[in-house]
Amino acid sequence: MSVIAIVDYDMGNLHSVCKGLEKAGATPKITDSPADIAQADAVVLPGVGSFDPAVQQLRSRDLVEPIKDAIASGKPFLGICLGLQILFDRSEEGKEPGLSIIPGVVRRFRSEPGLTIPHMGWNQLEITQANASLWQNLSSHPWVYFVHSYYVDPIDPKVCAASVTHGTQTVTAAIARDNLMAVQFHPEKSSTTGLQILSNFVAQVQTPVLA
């Protein structure tokens, strides 16, 4: 059974992510141990809250390099919500530098008449990487659950795997690059669609076969 490390840095609803991965057939392990992250078959970086405390927590627990090493190793990696945003260079929400794994900035939704901030509730994705593994067996415009006031703005538009429109603003809702995937929405709160997305992630996690 493949082991998926869920990075624990006091910034997320780890229990619901853990349950979602278990339903998808994985063996999740909530941990803040660099050794566990290195040994896991895949890594999930969840996150709820603010940008600066998140990166401060990761640095205080010496988890930045293990996260970067996991991504560089080629093992499947999934960021969720704040776990997407902290992969970027910086955020308009705070002053701390991000992990700079994906070049770009985290921006706040612009105010406009009738627009609710945070963007909260169900919305439809516009899939921009049709072949991305996370979207297998989904419709072209699946409904997923969002709670956020900030969104990622990658420098390279090709990393965008899905977008979402809130008011008149169309923003990046997910990224995918090689083994790295990250989503702004909450798959663990997105009913059967979210479970399918988590199952698609788990399907990529293969325990190495000894020759």
C-alpha atoms as a PDB file:
ATOM      1  CA  MET A   1       0.000   0.000   0.000  1.00  0.00           C
ATOM      2  CA  SER A   2       1.381   3.379  -0.982  1.00  0.00           C
ATOM      3  CA  VAL A   3       2.058   5.822   1.854  1.00  0.00           C
ATOM      4  CA  ILE A   4       1.172   9.476   1.284  1.00  0.00           C
ATOM      5  CA  ALA A   5       2.723  11.963   3.694  1.00  0.00           C
ATOM      6  CA  ILE A   6       0.378  14.816   4.689  1.00  0.00           C
ATOM      7  CA  VAL A   7       2.583  17.673   5.830  1.00  0.00           C
ATOM      8  CA  ASP A   8       1.563  18.880   9.304  1.00  0.00           C
ATOM      9  CA  TYR A   9       2.474  22.497  10.050  1.00  0.00           C
ATOM     10  CA  ASP A  10      -0.614  23.535  12.053  1.00  0.00           C
ATOM     11  CA  MET A  11      -2.222  25.221   9.035  1.00  0.00           C
ATOM     12  CA  GLY A  12      -4.962  22.975   7.754  1.00  0.00           C
ATOM     13  CA  ASN A  13      -7.852  20.629   8.264  1.00  0.00           C
ATOM     14  CA  LEU A  14      -5.659  17.565   8.059  1.00  0.00           C
ATOM     15  CA  HIS A  15      -8.369  15.176   9.218  1.00  0.00           C
ATOM     16  CA  SER A  16     -10.698  15.788   6.265  1.00  0.00           C
ATOM     17  CA  VAL A  17      -7.809  15.509   3.784  1.00  0.00           C
ATOM     18  CA  CYS A  18      -6.725  12.295   5.488  1.00  0.00           C
ATOM     19  CA  LYS A  19     -10.251  10.835   5.268  1.00  0.00           C
ATOM     20  CA  GLY A  20     -10.522  11.789   1.608  1.00  0.00           C
ATOM     21  CA  LEU A  21      -7.258  10.040   0.757  1.00  0.00           C
ATOM     22  CA  GLU A  22      -8.295   6.953   2.738  1.00  0.00           C
ATOM     23  CA  LYS A  23     -11.557   6.803   0.749  1.00  0.00           C
ATOM     24  CA  ALA A  24      -9.449   7.041  -2.406  1.00  0.00           C
ATOM     25  CA  GLY A  25      -7.528   3.941  -1.361  1.00  0.00           C
ATOM     26  CA  ALA A  26      -4.323   5.436   0.032  1.00  0.00           C
ATOM     27  CA  THR A  27      -2.543   5.110   3.360  1.00  0.00           C
ATOM     28  CA  PRO A  28      -2.097   8.712   4.542  1.00  0.00           C
ATOM     29  CA  LYS A  29       0.382   9.612   7.272  1.00  0.00           C
ATOM     30  CA  ILE A  30       0.111  13.010   8.973  1.00  0.00           C
ATOM     31  CA  THR A  31       3.658  14.069   9.804  1.00  0.00           C
ATOM     32  CA  ASP A  32       6.094  16.920  10.305  1.00  0.00           C
ATOM     33  CA  SER A  33       9.096  14.617  10.036  1.00  0.00           C
ATOM     34  CA  PRO A  34      11.512  15.269   7.148  1.00  0.00           C
ATOM     35  CA  ALA A  35      12.392  11.551   7.202  1.00  0.00           C
ATOM     36  CA  ASP A  36       8.730  10.555   6.757  1.00  0.00           C
ATOM     37  CA  ILE A  37       8.355  13.001   3.873  1.00  0.00           C
ATOM     38  CA  ALA A  38      11.494  11.624   2.217  1.00  0.00           C
ATOM     39  CA  GLN A  39      10.346   8.000   2.603  1.00  0.00           C
ATOM     40  CA  ALA A  40       6.746   8.523   1.495  1.00  0.00           C
ATOM     41  CA  ASP A  41       5.574   7.520  -1.974  1.00  0.00           C
ATOM     42  CA  ALA A  42       3.835  10.883  -2.410  1.00  0.00           C
ATOM     43  CA  VAL A  43       3.318  14.123  -0.505  1.00  0.00           C
ATOM     44  CA  VAL A  44       0.262  16.302   0.118  1.00  0.00           C
ATOM     45  CA  LEU A  45       0.661  19.884   1.378  1.00  0.00           C
ATOM     46  CA  PRO A  46      -2.726  21.133   2.629  1.00  0.00           C
ATOM     47  CA  GLY A  47      -3.310  24.552   4.124  1.00  0.00           C
ATOM     48  CA  VAL A  48      -5.964  26.871   5.518  1.00  0.00           C
ATOM     49  CA  GLY A  49      -5.242  30.347   6.862  1.00  0.00           C
ATOM     50  CA  SER A  50      -2.797  33.144   6.067  1.00  0.00           C
ATOM     51  CA  PHE A  51       0.331  33.152   3.934  1.00  0.00           C
ATOM     52  CA  ASP A  52       2.906  34.544   6.382  1.00  0.00           C
ATOM     53  CA  PRO A  53       2.127  32.226   9.331  1.00  0.00           C
ATOM     54  CA  ALA A  54       2.159  29.268   6.934  1.00  0.00           C
ATOM     55  CA  VAL A  55       5.661  29.870   5.592  1.00  0.00           C
ATOM     56  CA  GLN A  56       6.880  30.785   9.078  1.00  0.00           C
ATOM     57  CA  GLN A  57       5.588  27.454  10.401  1.00  0.00           C
ATOM     58  CA  LEU A  58       7.240  25.536   7.565  1.00  0.00           C
ATOM     59  CA  ARG A  59      10.577  27.261   8.174  1.00  0.00           C
ATOM     60  CA  SER A  60      10.426  26.853  11.953  1.00  0.00           C
ATOM     61  CA  ARG A  61       9.899  23.103  11.493  1.00  0.00           C
ATOM     62  CA  ASP A  62      12.671  22.835   8.869  1.00  0.00           C
ATOM     63  CA  LEU A  63      10.178  21.547   6.305  1.00  0.00           C
ATOM     64  CA  VAL A  64      11.002  23.794   3.339  1.00  0.00           C
ATOM     65  CA  GLU A  65      13.919  21.745   2.026  1.00  0.00           C
ATOM     66  CA  PRO A  66      12.146  18.383   2.514  1.00  0.00           C
ATOM     67  CA  ILE A  67       9.208  19.740   0.483  1.00  0.00           C
ATOM     68  CA  LYS A  68      11.508  21.009  -2.272  1.00  0.00           C
ATOM     69  CA  ASP A  69      13.424  17.715  -2.248  1.00  0.00           C
ATOM     70  CA  ALA A  70      10.190  15.713  -2.535  1.00  0.00           C
ATOM     71  CA  ILE A  71       9.123  17.713  -5.582  1.00  0.00           C
ATOM     72  CA  ALA A  72      12.583  17.472  -7.145  1.00  0.00           C
ATOM     73  CA  SER A  73      12.614  13.685  -6.592  1.00  0.00           C
ATOM     74  CA  GLY A  74       9.740  13.227  -9.027  1.00  0.00           C
ATOM     75  CA  LYS A  75       7.275  11.704  -6.548  1.00  0.00           C
ATOM     76  CA  PRO A  76       3.668  12.864  -6.904  1.00  0.00           C
ATOM     77  CA  PHE A  77       3.043  16.080  -4.957  1.00  0.00           C
ATOM     78  CA  LEU A  78      -0.322  17.753  -4.337  1.00  0.00           C
ATOM     79  CA  GLY A  79      -0.816  21.196  -2.803  1.00  0.00           C
ATOM     80  CA  ILE A  80      -4.278  22.193  -1.567  1.00  0.00           C
ATOM     81  CA  CYS A  81      -5.554  25.780  -1.066  1.00  0.00           C
ATOM     82  CA  LEU A  82      -2.867  27.602   0.961  1.00  0.00           C
ATOM     83  CA  GLY A  83      -0.602  24.676   0.046  1.00  0.00           C
ATOM     84  CA  LEU A  84      -0.832  25.952  -3.546  1.00  0.00           C
ATOM     85  CA  GLN A  85      -0.188  29.584  -2.690  1.00  0.00           C
ATOM     86  CA  ILE A  86       2.979  29.077  -0.637  1.00  0.00           C
ATOM     87  CA  LEU A  87       4.645  27.374  -3.626  1.00  0.00           C
ATOM     88  CA  PHE A  88       4.863  30.841  -5.236  1.00  0.00           C
ATOM     89  CA  ASP A  89       7.386  33.666  -4.784  1.00  0.00           C
ATOM     90  CA  ARG A  90       5.307  35.976  -2.607  1.00  0.00           C
ATOM     91  CA  SER A  91       1.765  37.025  -1.700  1.00  0.00           C
ATOM     92  CA  GLU A  92      -0.060  40.328  -1.527  1.00  0.00           C
ATOM     93  CA  GLU A  93      -1.472  38.973   1.744  1.00  0.00           C
ATOM     94  CA  GLY A  94       1.837  39.229   3.590  1.00  0.00           C
ATOM     95  CA  LYS A  95       5.533  40.065   3.549  1.00  0.00           C
ATOM     96  CA  GLU A  96       7.226  36.681   3.909  1.00  0.00           C
ATOM     97  CA  PRO A  97       8.874  35.171   0.819  1.00  0.00           C
ATOM     98  CA  GLY A  98       7.198  32.004  -0.435  1.00  0.00           C
ATOM     99  CA  LEU A  99       8.952  28.786  -1.451  1.00  0.00           C
ATOM    100  CA  SER A 100       9.559  30.032  -5.030  1.00  0.00           C
ATOM    101  CA  ILE A 101       8.918  26.602  -6.536  1.00  0.00           C
ATOM    102  CA  ILE A 102       6.539  28.145  -9.085  1.00  0.00           C
ATOM    103  CA  PRO A 103       7.479  31.649 -10.323  1.00  0.00           C
ATOM    104  CA  GLY A 104       4.668  34.100  -9.738  1.00  0.00           C
ATOM    105  CA  VAL A 105       2.684  36.087  -7.192  1.00  0.00           C
ATOM    106  CA  VAL A 106      -0.403  35.458  -5.069  1.00  0.00           C
ATOM    107  CA  ARG A 107      -2.896  38.298  -5.626  1.00  0.00           C
ATOM    108  CA  ARG A 108      -6.084  39.464  -3.930  1.00  0.00           C
ATOM    109  CA  PHE A 109      -9.347  39.551  -5.853  1.00  0.00           C
ATOM    110  CA  ARG A 110     -10.108  43.081  -7.020  1.00  0.00           C
ATOM    111  CA  SER A 111     -13.235  44.596  -5.522  1.00  0.00           C
ATOM    112  CA  GLU A 112     -16.078  45.072  -7.973  1.00  0.00           C
ATOM    113  CA  PRO A 113     -19.799  45.786  -7.567  1.00  0.00           C
ATOM    114  CA  GLY A 114     -21.694  42.813  -6.200  1.00  0.00           C
ATOM    115  CA  LEU A 115     -18.580  40.644  -5.808  1.00  0.00           C
ATOM    116  CA  THR A 116     -18.283  38.683  -2.594  1.00  0.00           C
ATOM    117  CA  ILE A 117     -14.765  38.317  -1.161  1.00  0.00           C
ATOM    118  CA  PRO A 118     -13.840  35.723  -0.110  1.00  0.00           C
ATOM    119  CA  HIS A 119     -14.835  33.620  -3.109  1.00  0.00           C
ATOM    120  CA  MET A 120     -16.773  30.988  -1.190  1.00  0.00           C
ATOM    121  CA  GLY A 121     -18.869  28.047  -2.285  1.00  0.00           C
ATOM    122  CA  TRP A 122     -19.317  25.917  -5.394  1.00  0.00           C
ATOM    123  CA  ASN A 123     -18.003  27.044  -8.767  1.00  0.00           C
ATOM    124  CA  GLN A 124     -17.150  25.446 -12.095  1.00  0.00           C
ATOM    125  CA  LEU A 125     -13.655  24.805 -13.326  1.00  0.00           C
ATOM    126  CA  GLU A 126     -12.540  25.567 -16.846  1.00  0.00           C
ATOM    127  CA  ILE A 127     -10.034  22.810 -17.603  1.00  0.00           C
ATOM    128  CA  THR A 128      -6.984  24.235 -19.405  1.00  0.00           C
ATOM    129  CA  GLN A 129      -4.766  21.120 -19.325  1.00  0.00           C
ATOM    130  CA  ALA A 130      -7.130  18.487 -20.650  1.00  0.00           C
ATOM    131  CA  ASN A 131      -4.564  15.713 -20.261  1.00  0.00           C
ATOM    132  CA  ALA A 132      -3.591  16.539 -16.669  1.00  0.00           C
ATOM    133  CA  SER A 133      -3.856  13.419 -14.545  1.00  0.00           C
ATOM    134  CA  LEU A 134      -6.009  15.079 -11.871  1.00  0.00           C
ATOM    135  CA  TRP A 135      -8.883  15.555 -14.312  1.00  0.00           C
ATOM    136  CA  GLN A 136      -9.256  11.958 -15.503  1.00  0.00           C
ATOM    137  CA  ASN A 137     -12.869  10.734 -15.551  1.00  0.00           C
ATOM    138  CA  LEU A 138     -14.271  14.217 -14.885  1.00  0.00           C
ATOM    139  CA  SER A 139     -16.562  16.399 -16.979  1.00  0.00           C
ATOM    140  CA  SER A 140     -15.023  19.370 -18.801  1.00  0.00           C
ATOM    141  CA  HIS A 141     -16.567  21.849 -16.332  1.00  0.00           C
ATOM    142  CA  PRO A 142     -16.675  20.092 -12.944  1.00  0.00           C
ATOM    143  CA  TRP A 143     -18.104  21.785  -9.850  1.00  0.00           C
ATOM    144  CA  VAL A 144     -15.736  22.132  -6.867  1.00  0.00           C
ATOM    145  CA  TYR A 145     -15.766  23.966  -3.533  1.00  0.00           C
ATOM    146  CA  PHE A 146     -13.738  27.151  -2.924  1.00  0.00           C
ATOM    147  CA  VAL A 147     -12.945  29.336   0.087  1.00  0.00           C
ATOM    148  CA  HIS A 148     -10.339  32.015  -0.713  1.00  0.00           C
ATOM    149  CA  SER A 149      -9.681  35.737  -1.036  1.00  0.00           C
ATOM    150  CA  TYR A 150      -6.367  35.329  -2.879  1.00  0.00           C
ATOM    151  CA  TYR A 151      -5.420  33.501  -6.069  1.00  0.00           C
ATOM    152  CA  VAL A 152      -2.157  32.489  -7.737  1.00  0.00           C
ATOM    153  CA  ASP A 153      -0.863  34.343 -10.780  1.00  0.00           C
ATOM    154  CA  PRO A 154       1.907  32.229 -12.354  1.00  0.00           C
ATOM    155  CA  ILE A 155       4.411  33.895 -14.668  1.00  0.00           C
ATOM    156  CA  ASP A 156       4.259  30.935 -17.059  1.00  0.00           C
ATOM    157  CA  PRO A 157       0.612  30.513 -18.123  1.00  0.00           C
ATOM    158  CA  LYS A 158       1.312  26.962 -19.303  1.00  0.00           C
ATOM    159  CA  VAL A 159       1.428  25.680 -15.698  1.00  0.00           C
ATOM    160  CA  CYS A 160      -2.255  26.596 -15.291  1.00  0.00           C
ATOM    161  CA  ALA A 161      -4.275  23.364 -15.334  1.00  0.00           C
ATOM    162  CA  ALA A 162      -7.690  24.907 -14.650  1.00  0.00           C
ATOM    163  CA  SER A 163      -9.195  28.349 -14.174  1.00  0.00           C
ATOM    164  CA  VAL A 164     -12.300  29.676 -12.434  1.00  0.00           C
ATOM    165  CA  THR A 165     -14.340  32.836 -12.945  1.00  0.00           C
ATOM    166  CA  HIS A 166     -15.505  34.924  -9.972  1.00  0.00           C
ATOM    167  CA  GLY A 167     -17.343  38.074 -10.971  1.00  0.00           C
ATOM    168  CA  THR A 168     -15.523  39.366 -14.037  1.00  0.00           C
ATOM    169  CA  GLN A 169     -12.179  37.907 -12.955  1.00  0.00           C
ATOM    170  CA  THR A 170     -10.904  34.635 -14.404  1.00  0.00           C
ATOM    171  CA  VAL A 171      -8.039  33.282 -12.316  1.00  0.00           C
ATOM    172  CA  THR A 172      -5.901  30.176 -11.971  1.00  0.00           C
ATOM    173  CA  ALA A 173      -7.646  27.473  -9.938  1.00  0.00           C
ATOM    174  CA  ALA A 174      -5.073  24.679 -10.358  1.00  0.00           C
ATOM    175  CA  ILE A 175      -1.553  24.147 -11.622  1.00  0.00           C
ATOM    176  CA  ALA A 176       0.216  21.080 -12.970  1.00  0.00           C
ATOM    177  CA  ARG A 177       3.853  20.689 -13.957  1.00  0.00           C
ATOM    178  CA  ASP A 178       5.437  17.249 -14.210  1.00  0.00           C
ATOM    179  CA  ASN A 179       4.878  15.528 -10.831  1.00  0.00           C
ATOM    180  CA  LEU A 180       3.731  18.746  -9.117  1.00  0.00           C
ATOM    181  CA  MET A 181       0.010  19.451  -8.893  1.00  0.00           C
ATOM    182  CA  ALA A 182      -1.788  21.988  -6.722  1.00  0.00           C
ATOM    183  CA  VAL A 183      -5.363  23.242  -6.467  1.00  0.00           C
ATOM    184  CA  GLN A 184      -6.962  26.350  -4.965  1.00  0.00           C
ATOM    185  CA  PHE A 185     -10.238  24.593  -4.188  1.00  0.00           C
ATOM    186  CA  HIS A 186     -10.839  21.920  -1.549  1.00  0.00           C
ATOM    187  CA  PRO A 187     -11.155  18.454  -3.101  1.00  0.00           C
ATOM    188  CA  GLU A 188     -11.903  17.008   0.353  1.00  0.00           C
ATOM    189  CA  LYS A 189     -15.045  19.226   0.441  1.00  0.00           C
ATOM    190  CA  SER A 190     -16.010  18.758  -3.208  1.00  0.00           C
ATOM    191  CA  SER A 191     -18.215  15.652  -2.947  1.00  0.00           C
ATOM    192  CA  THR A 192     -17.836  12.957  -5.616  1.00  0.00           C
ATOM    193  CA  THR A 193     -15.818  15.228  -7.921  1.00  0.00           C
ATOM    194  CA  GLY A 194     -13.300  15.891  -5.173  1.00  0.00           C
ATOM    195  CA  LEU A 195     -13.050  12.209  -4.348  1.00  0.00           C
ATOM    196  CA  GLN A 196     -12.391  11.467  -8.023  1.00  0.00           C
ATOM    197  CA  ILE A 197      -9.611  14.062  -8.059  1.00  0.00           C
ATOM    198  CA  LEU A 198      -8.026  12.536  -4.957  1.00  0.00           C
ATOM    199  CA  SER A 199      -8.422   9.071  -6.510  1.00  0.00           C
ATOM    200  CA  ASN A 200      -6.668  10.330  -9.647  1.00  0.00           C
ATOM    201  CA  PHE A 201      -3.801  11.559  -7.492  1.00  0.00           C
ATOM    202  CA  VAL A 202      -3.606   8.281  -5.590  1.00  0.00           C
ATOM    203  CA  ALA A 203      -3.567   6.389  -8.909  1.00  0.00           C
ATOM    204  CA  GLN A 204      -0.262   8.070  -9.754  1.00  0.00           C
ATOM    205  CA  VAL A 205       1.311   6.887  -6.536  1.00  0.00           C
ATOM    206  CA  GLN A 206       2.986   3.608  -7.288  1.00  0.00           C
ATOM    207  CA  THR A 207       5.129   1.783  -4.798  1.00  0.00           C
ATOM    208  CA  PRO A 208       8.501   1.201  -6.489  1.00  0.00           C
ATOM    209  CA  VAL A 209       8.901  -2.330  -7.789  1.00  0.00           C
ATOM    210  CA  LEU A 210      12.266  -3.892  -7.044  1.00  0.00           C
ATOM    211  CA  ALA A 211      14.025  -5.232 -10.132  1.00  0.00           C
END
